[in-house]
């Protein structure tokens, strides 16, 4: 480890990070371009000015009226339809320059964003997006470009020029229209709603726009189109799904409306607000802190012993009182802080932490930390600033109440009443009070209602009739994704694996650097450093886009229908998503979150407005002054949320966390002092605590306290004890097969066109069948004779087969 890494793991500062749908608009725009693409900004400007000069006669773009600007855009639109590929590319670059905000006519970054926004709404209004979509489809189907890219030993930026220009314009249009501002004009708000509906509807060849991008991802991962600029495709796919389906706050509002429609009680709290109000806790103690605390406790005991001896010898009864007071205050402080140290007394009693095979040794990333001096203790003023009460209202499921009553009836009466939760005859008064408390906190989820409804529809398909399915954007996207869902999921996970910082380079892995590597490789140290930063940044952006995309899909499909969520989850689990995420976190996570893989002076729009300073090796090494990297922390939280979604209420998947020894990996992630990230780590530790053994719980009491303090309580959940372990065998295959059966029944009932074939009456009348009017294509009569020859006359008929018994 580098000295900086050791300091970060020892100190772990509070991170002022606010989680959201995406980063600031400037940051999101800058991440679209790699630093290798920087010379192309000037190229876009030159092509625009070359064409614009002949049209405007000495005037600038910003001086034209809106009608004159529209007339020029219409001219560019006509020029896009030429057959000459090079001319088309020049026109596309001119359009990209407009979308980038005609930066040569602007003095500040604010001006660039203002004109970019104005131009993009103008371009959309003139129908540029539809024209770009047709060009994108042409480039995707360009077999010549694909075959030449497959044969090339090394692919560079030059192989994807046309695609990168088209995708950049489309990304700028989607992102600029998606982001709302206070000064939006009424016509812009109307355009935003129209574009949102257009993107989410099956208007493009009968499928939504996102499916075209999913097809690009699978084509790239199958090695058929290795020149596709995957970072831009993934960013555009993520922003398209975010725009059409809605972000996390919109999702919360949709959830509230869905509960109202189903006549369910309102949510006990707004989870987004609760998480934002949480404060980060101190990370678990390092080995050095534990050793130092043990020595302090030994000194405290020695001082008590010497004070007792001195009092017996007749000296002053309080000769050494000060150390005792100091030690007592430290003990009180450690009791109040749920994360400061992992119970040093238990460490002293059991110095060999066997940890049930989970955390038997000091983490290799932390071994060198032991030689560092301990950090100074925080001042006592910070001790008592803890929130009063618990942040979450407790929840109880219906089946939890049923289980509690079944146990109580067996114990006091000797028989059970099935799922009856109202009859309490024969049960003692305390049980009545317990059931009353449980019912007060009963929570019925939308998923439970959907599962119950699905069971009813399967039992009574005729009497309940056809289900009315609302055509929401999530429903339209799911229907489009369903035939190739497993391919999409596997492709995304392949890309995530290739971009993960912990993955090793393999010869058979996919090359995700096609849109970042220049044609000529660097020859100086400075160029090599710049390219190294660019490559690392490129990978981080890919991880950010995939993690956000997967989380959005899981959350929206879960709200739309639980079985849509379950099939995506199952494909993720079968494609080894759980070990992949754990592998991602099996690194120095503080180092990853504080990584400085960015060069501020090269970020757009800074680089096109300000003079470019001379880059030096020292300035590249220094990086920016930010405390943390927003995109990396965002990615980590997203991956933890995905892992939570995959394992929640799934016993077999929880056991996978235990088998893959996730506890030490997750516990190391608690070093990041950010409340939201700590919350999702603690949730993952909570669901597997009972399987980690008594020794682990004993050695991690402060972590257990943090779980009690920060994670929602289930009133009769004995997560901290191993009471039902023996009664719950781990049969992964049986659980997943039962779930898959329910999913297939749902998909068959709702989406199989021939699902009612068993219930349709059969027409046995020959005359009636032959008299039915069959719709034939318009051109059928031209090829009718050829069809007869091919399908009827040329086919040998085995007449003897009709006479034989079947």
Foldseek 3Di string as FASTA:
>chain_A
DDPVLLVCLQPQDFAPEADWLDDDLQVLLLLLDFLVCLVVLVVLLVLLCVVVCVVPVPDDPVPDDLVSVLVVLVVLLVQCPDPDPVSNLSSLSPLLCQLQQVLVPDFDQVNSLVSNLVSLVSNVVSPVLVSLVVVLVVVVPPQVLLVVVLPDPAFAQVSCSSVSSSLSSLLSSLSSLQDDDPPDDPVSVVVSVVVLCQQLALPPVRAHPLVVLLVVLLCCQVSSHLLRQNLSSLSSSLSNLCSNLHIDVVLQVVQQVVCVVVVHDGDPDDVSVLLVPDFFAAAEHAPQVLVVVVVLVVVLVVVVVVLVVCVVVPDDNCPPVVSNVVNVVVVVLVVQRLHYYLPSVLCVVPVQQCLLVQPRDHQPVCVVSNPDHRDDDDDPVPRPPDDPDFSDQFEAELVNLQVLQQVQCCVQPNHHDHSDNPDPPRGDPVNVVVSVVNVVRYHDHPQNVQLVVLVVCVVCVPVVDDDDADPGSLNSNLLSCVVPVLSSLLSLLLLLLVLQPLHDDDPPRRDNCSNLAHPDHDDDPQSVLSSVLSSNSSSLSSLLSSLSSLLSSLSSLCSSHVLSNVVSLVSCVVSVVLVSLLSSLSDSLSCQFAPQSDQVCSGPPNVSNDDRDDDDPVSSVVHDPRRTDNSSVSSLLSSLVSLCSSPPPPVLSLVVCVVSSSVVSLSSVSSNRRSSNLLSSLSSCQQCQQVSDPSNCSSRVSSVVVSVRHPHHHPPDPSNHNPCVVVDDRDPVVVVVVSVVSSVSVCLSNPPPCSCVVVDDDDPDPVVVVPDDDDDDPCCVVCVVVCCVVPPVVDDDDPVVVVDDD
